[in-house]
Amino acid sequence: MTTVFEVIDNAVAEYYCKNKEYDKGLAACRALISTREGEEKTQVISNFTKYAFEYAASLAKEDKWGEAILLYREIMSYPNFPVTTYKNAGLCLKAMGRGQDALSFLELYRERTPNNPEAYVFMG
């Protein structure tokens, strides 16, 4: 059974992320992940990957490629992450001049989305 404190912790994590205070919100999510089990843990992981993906994309838009890649790699450590995480990580690596590393991630994206013409565009 979920306690009032657990509900509050989850609400605080979401509040921070929704208000673009990602560092605080993602830290709260990380703490929650380690204390949850079963369906509750799955939901917290889902929220974490959603907000971490948003944050990583915003970091990439600010040309903070290294920070974005770290978040994308963390996202990939959880099950059921968005497949576009591969693409975004690859594009960050490409922007950093790490072409071979970029191709590895872009190839994973292409393999998982073979009917998506966009996947082939990024390989070039």
C-alpha atoms as a PDB file:
ATOM      1  CA  MET A   1       0.000   0.000   0.000  1.00  0.00           C
ATOM      2  CA  THR A   2       1.267   3.449  -0.912  1.00  0.00           C
ATOM      3  CA  THR A   3       1.801   5.821   1.973  1.00  0.00           C
ATOM      4  CA  VAL A   4       1.005   9.519   2.016  1.00  0.00           C
ATOM      5  CA  PHE A   5       4.736  10.274   2.058  1.00  0.00           C
ATOM      6  CA  GLU A   6       5.323   8.190  -1.068  1.00  0.00           C
ATOM      7  CA  VAL A   7       2.541  10.057  -2.874  1.00  0.00           C
ATOM      8  CA  ILE A   8       4.077  13.366  -1.798  1.00  0.00           C
ATOM      9  CA  ASP A   9       7.560  12.289  -2.924  1.00  0.00           C
ATOM     10  CA  ASN A  10       6.217  11.358  -6.339  1.00  0.00           C
ATOM     11  CA  ALA A  11       4.272  14.619  -6.607  1.00  0.00           C
ATOM     12  CA  VAL A  12       7.375  16.635  -5.707  1.00  0.00           C
ATOM     13  CA  ALA A  13       9.429  14.855  -8.375  1.00  0.00           C
ATOM     14  CA  GLU A  14       6.754  15.556 -10.996  1.00  0.00           C
ATOM     15  CA  TYR A  15       6.339  19.154  -9.860  1.00  0.00           C
ATOM     16  CA  TYR A  16      10.027  19.902 -10.333  1.00  0.00           C
ATOM     17  CA  CYS A  17      10.160  18.248 -13.744  1.00  0.00           C
ATOM     18  CA  LYS A  18       6.991  19.901 -15.017  1.00  0.00           C
ATOM     19  CA  ASN A  19       8.444  23.248 -13.962  1.00  0.00           C
ATOM     20  CA  LYS A  20      11.692  22.546 -15.820  1.00  0.00           C
ATOM     21  CA  GLU A  21      13.719  22.124 -12.615  1.00  0.00           C
ATOM     22  CA  TYR A  22      14.972  18.863 -14.016  1.00  0.00           C
ATOM     23  CA  ASP A  23      18.015  18.407 -11.786  1.00  0.00           C
ATOM     24  CA  LYS A  24      15.840  18.398  -8.655  1.00  0.00           C
ATOM     25  CA  GLY A  25      13.031  16.407 -10.237  1.00  0.00           C
ATOM     26  CA  LEU A  26      15.248  13.718 -11.727  1.00  0.00           C
ATOM     27  CA  ALA A  27      17.181  13.389  -8.475  1.00  0.00           C
ATOM     28  CA  ALA A  28      13.869  12.830  -6.688  1.00  0.00           C
ATOM     29  CA  CYS A  29      12.875  10.229  -9.310  1.00  0.00           C
ATOM     30  CA  ARG A  30      16.184   8.403  -8.894  1.00  0.00           C
ATOM     31  CA  ALA A  31      15.602   8.216  -5.144  1.00  0.00           C
ATOM     32  CA  LEU A  32      12.065   6.924  -5.698  1.00  0.00           C
ATOM     33  CA  ILE A  33      13.210   4.232  -8.133  1.00  0.00           C
ATOM     34  CA  SER A  34      15.464   2.734  -5.502  1.00  0.00           C
ATOM     35  CA  THR A  35      12.633   2.513  -2.964  1.00  0.00           C
ATOM     36  CA  ARG A  36       9.792   1.186  -5.134  1.00  0.00           C
ATOM     37  CA  GLU A  37       8.865  -2.292  -6.296  1.00  0.00           C
ATOM     38  CA  GLY A  38       6.582  -3.801  -8.896  1.00  0.00           C
ATOM     39  CA  GLU A  39       4.098  -1.592 -10.705  1.00  0.00           C
ATOM     40  CA  GLU A  40       4.988   1.461  -8.617  1.00  0.00           C
ATOM     41  CA  LYS A  41       8.636   1.156  -9.641  1.00  0.00           C
ATOM     42  CA  THR A  42       7.613   0.707 -13.281  1.00  0.00           C
ATOM     43  CA  GLN A  43       5.569   3.917 -13.108  1.00  0.00           C
ATOM     44  CA  VAL A  44       8.390   5.901 -11.498  1.00  0.00           C
ATOM     45  CA  ILE A  45      10.828   4.632 -14.152  1.00  0.00           C
ATOM     46  CA  SER A  46       8.359   5.632 -16.857  1.00  0.00           C
ATOM     47  CA  ASN A  47       8.133   9.142 -15.396  1.00  0.00           C
ATOM     48  CA  PHE A  48      11.900   9.333 -15.032  1.00  0.00           C
ATOM     49  CA  THR A  49      12.564   8.344 -18.636  1.00  0.00           C
ATOM     50  CA  LYS A  50       9.939  10.787 -19.894  1.00  0.00           C
ATOM     51  CA  TYR A  51      11.367  13.753 -18.011  1.00  0.00           C
ATOM     52  CA  ALA A  52      15.003  12.759 -18.517  1.00  0.00           C
ATOM     53  CA  PHE A  53      14.335  12.529 -22.257  1.00  0.00           C
ATOM     54  CA  GLU A  54      12.804  16.018 -22.245  1.00  0.00           C
ATOM     55  CA  TYR A  55      15.757  17.383 -20.305  1.00  0.00           C
ATOM     56  CA  ALA A  56      18.345  15.687 -22.510  1.00  0.00           C
ATOM     57  CA  ALA A  57      16.648  17.100 -25.610  1.00  0.00           C
ATOM     58  CA  SER A  58      16.692  20.600 -24.113  1.00  0.00           C
ATOM     59  CA  LEU A  59      20.384  20.217 -23.232  1.00  0.00           C
ATOM     60  CA  ALA A  60      21.130  19.148 -26.803  1.00  0.00           C
ATOM     61  CA  LYS A  61      19.321  22.227 -28.129  1.00  0.00           C
ATOM     62  CA  GLU A  62      21.673  24.298 -25.971  1.00  0.00           C
ATOM     63  CA  ASP A  63      24.668  22.442 -27.488  1.00  0.00           C
ATOM     64  CA  LYS A  64      25.372  20.706 -24.173  1.00  0.00           C
ATOM     65  CA  TRP A  65      26.053  17.454 -25.977  1.00  0.00           C
ATOM     66  CA  GLY A  66      28.047  15.718 -23.256  1.00  0.00           C
ATOM     67  CA  GLU A  67      25.416  16.317 -20.586  1.00  0.00           C
ATOM     68  CA  ALA A  68      22.676  15.168 -22.950  1.00  0.00           C
ATOM     69  CA  ILE A  69      24.558  11.965 -23.791  1.00  0.00           C
ATOM     70  CA  LEU A  70      24.973  11.134 -20.116  1.00  0.00           C
ATOM     71  CA  LEU A  71      21.221  11.393 -19.640  1.00  0.00           C
ATOM     72  CA  TYR A  72      20.479   9.392 -22.781  1.00  0.00           C
ATOM     73  CA  ARG A  73      22.778   6.628 -21.554  1.00  0.00           C
ATOM     74  CA  GLU A  74      21.056   6.635 -18.174  1.00  0.00           C
ATOM     75  CA  ILE A  75      17.671   6.412 -19.893  1.00  0.00           C
ATOM     76  CA  MET A  76      18.932   3.382 -21.832  1.00  0.00           C
ATOM     77  CA  SER A  77      19.705   1.612 -18.569  1.00  0.00           C
ATOM     78  CA  TYR A  78      15.967   1.210 -17.925  1.00  0.00           C
ATOM     79  CA  PRO A  79      13.552  -1.076 -19.766  1.00  0.00           C
ATOM     80  CA  ASN A  80      11.103   0.220 -22.363  1.00  0.00           C
ATOM     81  CA  PHE A  81      12.866   3.505 -23.052  1.00  0.00           C
ATOM     82  CA  PRO A  82      11.902   5.486 -26.177  1.00  0.00           C
ATOM     83  CA  VAL A  83      13.684   4.092 -29.248  1.00  0.00           C
ATOM     84  CA  THR A  84      14.425   7.659 -30.354  1.00  0.00           C
ATOM     85  CA  THR A  85      16.902   7.776 -27.478  1.00  0.00           C
ATOM     86  CA  TYR A  86      19.322   5.952 -29.784  1.00  0.00           C
ATOM     87  CA  LYS A  87      18.836   8.547 -32.497  1.00  0.00           C
ATOM     88  CA  ASN A  88      19.238  11.499 -30.170  1.00  0.00           C
ATOM     89  CA  ALA A  89      22.364  10.069 -28.541  1.00  0.00           C
ATOM     90  CA  GLY A  90      23.803   9.420 -31.993  1.00  0.00           C
ATOM     91  CA  LEU A  91      23.097  12.953 -33.140  1.00  0.00           C
ATOM     92  CA  CYS A  92      24.758  14.378 -30.028  1.00  0.00           C
ATOM     93  CA  LEU A  93      27.837  12.251 -30.652  1.00  0.00           C
ATOM     94  CA  LYS A  94      27.861  13.316 -34.304  1.00  0.00           C
ATOM     95  CA  ALA A  95      27.720  16.983 -33.248  1.00  0.00           C
ATOM     96  CA  MET A  96      30.716  16.346 -30.982  1.00  0.00           C
ATOM     97  CA  GLY A  97      32.690  14.962 -33.924  1.00  0.00           C
ATOM     98  CA  ARG A  98      32.545  11.363 -32.696  1.00  0.00           C
ATOM     99  CA  GLY A  99      31.340   9.887 -35.980  1.00  0.00           C
ATOM    100  CA  GLN A 100      32.030   6.194 -35.299  1.00  0.00           C
ATOM    101  CA  ASP A 101      30.300   6.304 -31.916  1.00  0.00           C
ATOM    102  CA  ALA A 102      27.416   8.196 -33.489  1.00  0.00           C
ATOM    103  CA  LEU A 103      27.014   5.557 -36.182  1.00  0.00           C
ATOM    104  CA  SER A 104      26.732   2.829 -33.546  1.00  0.00           C
ATOM    105  CA  PHE A 105      23.723   4.507 -31.955  1.00  0.00           C
ATOM    106  CA  LEU A 106      22.180   5.513 -35.277  1.00  0.00           C
ATOM    107  CA  GLU A 107      22.498   1.930 -36.485  1.00  0.00           C
ATOM    108  CA  LEU A 108      20.630   0.728 -33.382  1.00  0.00           C
ATOM    109  CA  TYR A 109      17.920   3.276 -34.163  1.00  0.00           C
ATOM    110  CA  ARG A 110      17.713   2.095 -37.790  1.00  0.00           C
ATOM    111  CA  GLU A 111      17.541  -1.582 -36.738  1.00  0.00           C
ATOM    112  CA  ARG A 112      14.626  -0.866 -34.414  1.00  0.00           C
ATOM    113  CA  THR A 113      12.752   1.369 -36.863  1.00  0.00           C
ATOM    114  CA  PRO A 114      13.458  -0.254 -40.272  1.00  0.00           C
ATOM    115  CA  ASN A 115      10.337   1.180 -41.919  1.00  0.00           C
ATOM    116  CA  ASN A 116      11.141   4.715 -40.826  1.00  0.00           C
ATOM    117  CA  PRO A 117      12.851   6.630 -43.669  1.00  0.00           C
ATOM    118  CA  GLU A 118      14.168   9.134 -41.106  1.00  0.00           C
ATOM    119  CA  ALA A 119      16.400   6.384 -39.710  1.00  0.00           C
ATOM    120  CA  TYR A 120      18.288   6.197 -43.009  1.00  0.00           C
ATOM    121  CA  VAL A 121      18.649   9.970 -43.328  1.00  0.00           C
ATOM    122  CA  PHE A 122      20.567  10.215 -40.067  1.00  0.00           C
ATOM    123  CA  MET A 123      22.996   7.512 -41.152  1.00  0.00           C
ATOM    124  CA  GLY A 124      24.378   9.783 -43.898  1.00  0.00           C
END
